[in-house]
């Protein structure tokens, strides 16, 4: 397979996305984020900021893994098409001789 590193990077991004999602839920639970949403109470502000930051990192990690998957798939299709075209050209050259 041509894209082992890309596939490994995709898996790492998925794992990071899961990790950041878990951290988002953990920090959401300990930060009383609902108070900020409903009442505007801003105690434990750093934990609330951590919740938002981890959520953003989780979304970006999942998005990056999806983008890497589609880039890898598209590049593989392109390489397969080029290999097929080269094979056809070689066969044409053999038949012309």
N, C-alpha and C. Protein backbone atom coordinates (compact mmCIF):
# COMPACT_ATOMS: atom_id res chain seq x y z
N UNK A 1 0.85 -1.18 0.00
CA UNK A 1 0.00 0.00 0.00
C UNK A 1 0.89 1.24 0.00
N UNK A 2 0.55 2.19 -0.83
CA UNK A 2 1.36 3.40 -0.98
C UNK A 2 1.19 4.37 0.19
N UNK A 3 0.09 4.32 0.85
CA UNK A 3 -0.28 5.37 1.79
C UNK A 3 -0.31 4.89 3.24
N UNK A 4 0.71 4.15 3.65
CA UNK A 4 0.76 3.66 5.03
C UNK A 4 0.87 4.81 6.03
N UNK A 5 1.72 5.78 5.73
CA UNK A 5 1.90 6.91 6.66
C UNK A 5 0.62 7.74 6.76
N UNK A 6 -0.03 7.93 5.62
CA UNK A 6 -1.28 8.69 5.63
C UNK A 6 -2.35 7.95 6.41
N UNK A 7 -2.40 6.64 6.22
CA UNK A 7 -3.37 5.84 6.96
C UNK A 7 -3.07 5.88 8.46
N UNK A 8 -1.79 5.81 8.82
CA UNK A 8 -1.42 5.92 10.24
C UNK A 8 -1.77 7.29 10.80
N UNK A 9 -1.54 8.34 10.02
CA UNK A 9 -1.89 9.69 10.47
C UNK A 9 -3.40 9.82 10.66
N UNK A 10 -4.17 9.20 9.77
CA UNK A 10 -5.63 9.23 9.89
C UNK A 10 -6.06 8.55 11.18
N UNK A 11 -5.45 7.41 11.50
CA UNK A 11 -5.79 6.69 12.72
C UNK A 11 -5.41 7.51 13.95
N UNK A 12 -4.26 8.15 13.91
CA UNK A 12 -3.83 9.01 15.03
C UNK A 12 -4.82 10.16 15.22
N UNK A 13 -5.28 10.75 14.13
CA UNK A 13 -6.24 11.86 14.24
C UNK A 13 -7.57 11.38 14.83
N UNK A 14 -7.99 10.18 14.47
CA UNK A 14 -9.22 9.64 15.05
C UNK A 14 -9.04 9.40 16.55
N UNK A 15 -7.89 8.84 16.93
CA UNK A 15 -7.62 8.60 18.36
C UNK A 15 -7.56 9.92 19.12
N UNK A 16 -6.91 10.93 18.54
CA UNK A 16 -6.88 12.24 19.19
C UNK A 16 -8.28 12.84 19.30
N UNK A 17 -9.09 12.66 18.28
CA UNK A 17 -10.46 13.15 18.33
C UNK A 17 -11.25 12.49 19.45
N UNK A 18 -11.08 11.18 19.62
CA UNK A 18 -11.75 10.47 20.71
C UNK A 18 -11.24 10.97 22.06
N UNK A 19 -9.92 11.13 22.17
CA UNK A 19 -9.33 11.62 23.42
C UNK A 19 -9.86 13.02 23.76
N UNK A 20 -9.88 13.91 22.79
CA UNK A 20 -10.37 15.26 23.05
C UNK A 20 -11.87 15.26 23.36
N UNK A 21 -12.61 14.35 22.75
CA UNK A 21 -14.03 14.25 23.07
C UNK A 21 -14.22 13.80 24.52
N UNK A 22 -13.44 12.82 24.95
CA UNK A 22 -13.51 12.39 26.35
C UNK A 22 -13.13 13.52 27.30
N UNK A 23 -12.06 14.25 26.96
CA UNK A 23 -11.66 15.39 27.80
C UNK A 23 -12.74 16.47 27.81
N UNK A 24 -13.42 16.65 26.69
CA UNK A 24 -14.52 17.62 26.65
C UNK A 24 -15.61 17.23 27.64
N UNK A 25 -15.99 15.95 27.64
CA UNK A 25 -17.03 15.50 28.57
C UNK A 25 -16.56 15.59 30.01
N UNK A 26 -15.31 15.26 30.27
CA UNK A 26 -14.78 15.35 31.64
C UNK A 26 -14.79 16.80 32.12
N UNK A 27 -14.26 17.71 31.31
CA UNK A 27 -14.21 19.11 31.73
C UNK A 27 -15.60 19.74 31.76
N UNK A 28 -16.51 19.27 30.92
CA UNK A 28 -17.89 19.76 30.97
C UNK A 28 -18.52 19.37 32.31
N UNK A 29 -18.24 18.16 32.75
CA UNK A 29 -18.81 17.69 34.01
C UNK A 29 -18.28 18.42 35.23
N UNK A 30 -17.00 18.79 35.23
CA UNK A 30 -16.43 19.43 36.42
C UNK A 30 -16.45 20.96 36.35
N UNK A 31 -16.89 21.53 35.23
CA UNK A 31 -16.79 22.98 35.11
C UNK A 31 -18.09 23.72 35.37
N UNK A 32 -19.19 23.01 35.60
CA UNK A 32 -20.50 23.67 35.75
C UNK A 32 -20.78 24.59 34.57
N UNK A 33 -20.57 24.05 33.38
CA UNK A 33 -20.73 24.84 32.15
C UNK A 33 -22.16 25.33 31.99
N UNK A 34 -23.12 24.58 32.52
CA UNK A 34 -24.52 24.98 32.43
C UNK A 34 -24.80 26.30 33.13
N UNK A 35 -24.07 26.59 34.21
CA UNK A 35 -24.24 27.87 34.90
C UNK A 35 -23.88 29.03 34.00
N UNK A 36 -22.82 28.87 33.23
CA UNK A 36 -22.41 29.93 32.32
C UNK A 36 -23.46 30.14 31.23
N UNK A 37 -24.00 29.05 30.74
CA UNK A 37 -25.00 29.15 29.67
C UNK A 37 -26.29 29.76 30.19
N UNK A 38 -26.79 29.27 31.34
CA UNK A 38 -28.09 29.71 31.83
C UNK A 38 -28.04 31.02 32.61
N UNK A 39 -27.04 31.18 33.46
CA UNK A 39 -27.04 32.31 34.39
C UNK A 39 -25.91 33.30 34.19
N UNK A 40 -24.92 32.96 33.38
CA UNK A 40 -23.79 33.84 33.17
C UNK A 40 -22.80 33.83 34.32
N UNK A 41 -22.85 32.82 35.17
CA UNK A 41 -21.92 32.71 36.29
C UNK A 41 -20.59 32.21 35.74
N UNK A 42 -19.53 32.96 35.99
CA UNK A 42 -18.24 32.67 35.36
C UNK A 42 -17.19 32.18 36.35
N UNK A 43 -17.59 31.44 37.41
CA UNK A 43 -16.55 30.85 38.25
C UNK A 43 -16.01 29.61 37.53
N UNK A 44 -14.81 29.23 37.86
CA UNK A 44 -14.11 28.14 37.18
C UNK A 44 -14.04 28.41 35.67
N UNK A 45 -13.66 29.60 35.34
CA UNK A 45 -13.65 30.02 33.93
C UNK A 45 -12.65 29.23 33.11
N UNK A 46 -11.50 28.89 33.68
CA UNK A 46 -10.50 28.14 32.92
C UNK A 46 -11.01 26.77 32.52
N UNK A 47 -11.76 26.11 33.39
CA UNK A 47 -12.30 24.80 33.04
C UNK A 47 -13.34 24.92 31.93
N UNK A 48 -14.08 26.01 31.94
CA UNK A 48 -15.05 26.24 30.86
C UNK A 48 -14.34 26.51 29.55
N UNK A 49 -13.25 27.26 29.62
CA UNK A 49 -12.46 27.52 28.41
C UNK A 49 -11.82 26.22 27.92
N UNK A 50 -11.33 25.39 28.85
CA UNK A 50 -10.78 24.09 28.47
C UNK A 50 -11.82 23.23 27.77
N UNK A 51 -13.05 23.27 28.26
CA UNK A 51 -14.13 22.50 27.63
C UNK A 51 -14.30 22.92 26.18
N UNK A 52 -14.35 24.20 25.94
CA UNK A 52 -14.55 24.70 24.57
C UNK A 52 -13.34 24.37 23.69
N UNK A 53 -12.14 24.55 24.23
CA UNK A 53 -10.93 24.28 23.46
C UNK A 53 -10.84 22.80 23.10
N UNK A 54 -11.10 21.91 24.06
CA UNK A 54 -11.05 20.48 23.76
C UNK A 54 -12.13 20.08 22.75
N UNK A 55 -13.29 20.71 22.83
CA UNK A 55 -14.34 20.43 21.84
C UNK A 55 -13.89 20.85 20.44
N UNK A 56 -13.28 22.02 20.34
CA UNK A 56 -12.79 22.50 19.04
C UNK A 56 -11.70 21.57 18.51
N UNK A 57 -10.77 21.15 19.38
CA UNK A 57 -9.73 20.21 18.96
C UNK A 57 -10.32 18.88 18.50
N UNK A 58 -11.35 18.41 19.19
CA UNK A 58 -11.99 17.15 18.80
C UNK A 58 -12.61 17.27 17.42
N UNK A 59 -13.33 18.35 17.18
CA UNK A 59 -13.96 18.55 15.87
C UNK A 59 -12.90 18.65 14.78
N UNK A 60 -11.85 19.42 15.04
CA UNK A 60 -10.78 19.56 14.04
C UNK A 60 -10.06 18.24 13.78
N UNK A 61 -9.85 17.45 14.82
CA UNK A 61 -9.18 16.15 14.63
C UNK A 61 -10.03 15.21 13.80
N UNK A 62 -11.33 15.16 14.09
CA UNK A 62 -12.21 14.31 13.29
C UNK A 62 -12.28 14.80 11.85
N UNK A 63 -12.35 16.12 11.67
CA UNK A 63 -12.40 16.67 10.31
C UNK A 63 -11.11 16.37 9.55
N UNK A 64 -9.97 16.49 10.22
CA UNK A 64 -8.70 16.19 9.56
C UNK A 64 -8.60 14.73 9.17
N UNK A 65 -9.10 13.84 10.02
CA UNK A 65 -9.05 12.41 9.66
C UNK A 65 -9.94 12.11 8.47
N UNK A 66 -11.08 12.76 8.38
CA UNK A 66 -11.97 12.56 7.23
C UNK A 66 -11.33 13.10 5.96
N UNK A 67 -10.73 14.28 6.06
CA UNK A 67 -10.06 14.87 4.90
C UNK A 67 -8.90 13.99 4.44
N UNK A 68 -8.10 13.49 5.38
CA UNK A 68 -6.99 12.60 5.02
C UNK A 68 -7.50 11.34 4.33
N UNK A 69 -8.61 10.81 4.81
CA UNK A 69 -9.17 9.61 4.19
C UNK A 69 -9.56 9.87 2.74
N UNK A 70 -10.23 10.99 2.49
CA UNK A 70 -10.66 11.28 1.12
C UNK A 70 -9.48 11.62 0.21
N UNK A 71 -8.47 12.30 0.74
CA UNK A 71 -7.28 12.59 -0.06
C UNK A 71 -6.57 11.30 -0.41
N UNK A 72 -6.45 10.40 0.56
CA UNK A 72 -5.80 9.12 0.31
C UNK A 72 -6.57 8.31 -0.73
N UNK A 73 -7.87 8.29 -0.61
CA UNK A 73 -8.71 7.54 -1.55
C UNK A 73 -8.60 8.13 -2.95
N UNK A 74 -8.64 9.45 -3.06
CA UNK A 74 -8.55 10.11 -4.36
C UNK A 74 -7.19 9.89 -5.01
N UNK A 75 -6.13 9.98 -4.22
CA UNK A 75 -4.79 9.75 -4.76
C UNK A 75 -4.61 8.30 -5.20
N UNK A 76 -5.17 7.37 -4.45
CA UNK A 76 -5.09 5.96 -4.83
C UNK A 76 -5.83 5.71 -6.14
N UNK A 77 -7.00 6.31 -6.30
CA UNK A 77 -7.75 6.18 -7.56
C UNK A 77 -6.96 6.77 -8.72
N UNK A 78 -6.32 7.90 -8.49
CA UNK A 78 -5.52 8.54 -9.54
C UNK A 78 -4.33 7.67 -9.93
N UNK A 79 -3.66 7.10 -8.94
CA UNK A 79 -2.53 6.21 -9.24
C UNK A 79 -2.99 4.96 -9.98
N UNK A 80 -4.13 4.41 -9.61
CA UNK A 80 -4.66 3.24 -10.32
C UNK A 80 -5.00 3.58 -11.76
N UNK A 81 -5.58 4.76 -11.99
CA UNK A 81 -5.91 5.19 -13.35
C UNK A 81 -4.64 5.39 -14.17
N UNK A 82 -3.61 5.97 -13.57
CA UNK A 82 -2.35 6.16 -14.29
C UNK A 82 -1.70 4.82 -14.62
N UNK A 83 -1.74 3.88 -13.69
CA UNK A 83 -1.17 2.55 -13.94
C UNK A 83 -1.92 1.84 -15.06
N UNK A 84 -3.23 1.97 -15.08
CA UNK A 84 -4.02 1.35 -16.15
C UNK A 84 -3.69 1.99 -17.50
N UNK A 85 -3.54 3.30 -17.52
CA UNK A 85 -3.20 3.99 -18.77
C UNK A 85 -1.82 3.57 -19.26
N UNK A 86 -0.86 3.46 -18.37
CA UNK A 86 0.48 3.02 -18.76
C UNK A 86 0.43 1.59 -19.31
N UNK A 87 -0.34 0.73 -18.67
CA UNK A 87 -0.47 -0.65 -19.15
C UNK A 87 -1.07 -0.69 -20.55
N UNK A 88 -2.08 0.15 -20.79
CA UNK A 88 -2.68 0.20 -22.14
C UNK A 88 -1.68 0.70 -23.17
N UNK A 89 -0.89 1.70 -22.80
CA UNK A 89 0.11 2.22 -23.73
C UNK A 89 1.17 1.17 -24.04
N UNK A 90 1.58 0.41 -23.05
CA UNK A 90 2.57 -0.66 -23.27
C UNK A 90 1.99 -1.73 -24.19
N UNK A 91 0.74 -2.10 -23.97
CA UNK A 91 0.09 -3.10 -24.83
C UNK A 91 -0.03 -2.60 -26.27
N UNK A 92 -0.36 -1.32 -26.44
CA UNK A 92 -0.44 -0.73 -27.79
C UNK A 92 0.92 -0.78 -28.48
N UNK A 93 1.97 -0.46 -27.73
CA UNK A 93 3.32 -0.46 -28.30
C UNK A 93 3.74 -1.87 -28.69
N UNK A 94 3.37 -2.87 -27.89
CA UNK A 94 3.70 -4.26 -28.22
C UNK A 94 2.95 -4.72 -29.46
N UNK A 95 1.70 -4.31 -29.58
CA UNK A 95 0.89 -4.73 -30.74
C UNK A 95 1.34 -4.02 -32.01
N UNK A 96 1.87 -2.82 -31.89
CA UNK A 96 2.31 -2.07 -33.06
C UNK A 96 3.59 -2.67 -33.65
N UNK A 97 4.38 -3.36 -32.86
CA UNK A 97 5.63 -3.95 -33.35
C UNK A 97 5.32 -5.15 -34.13
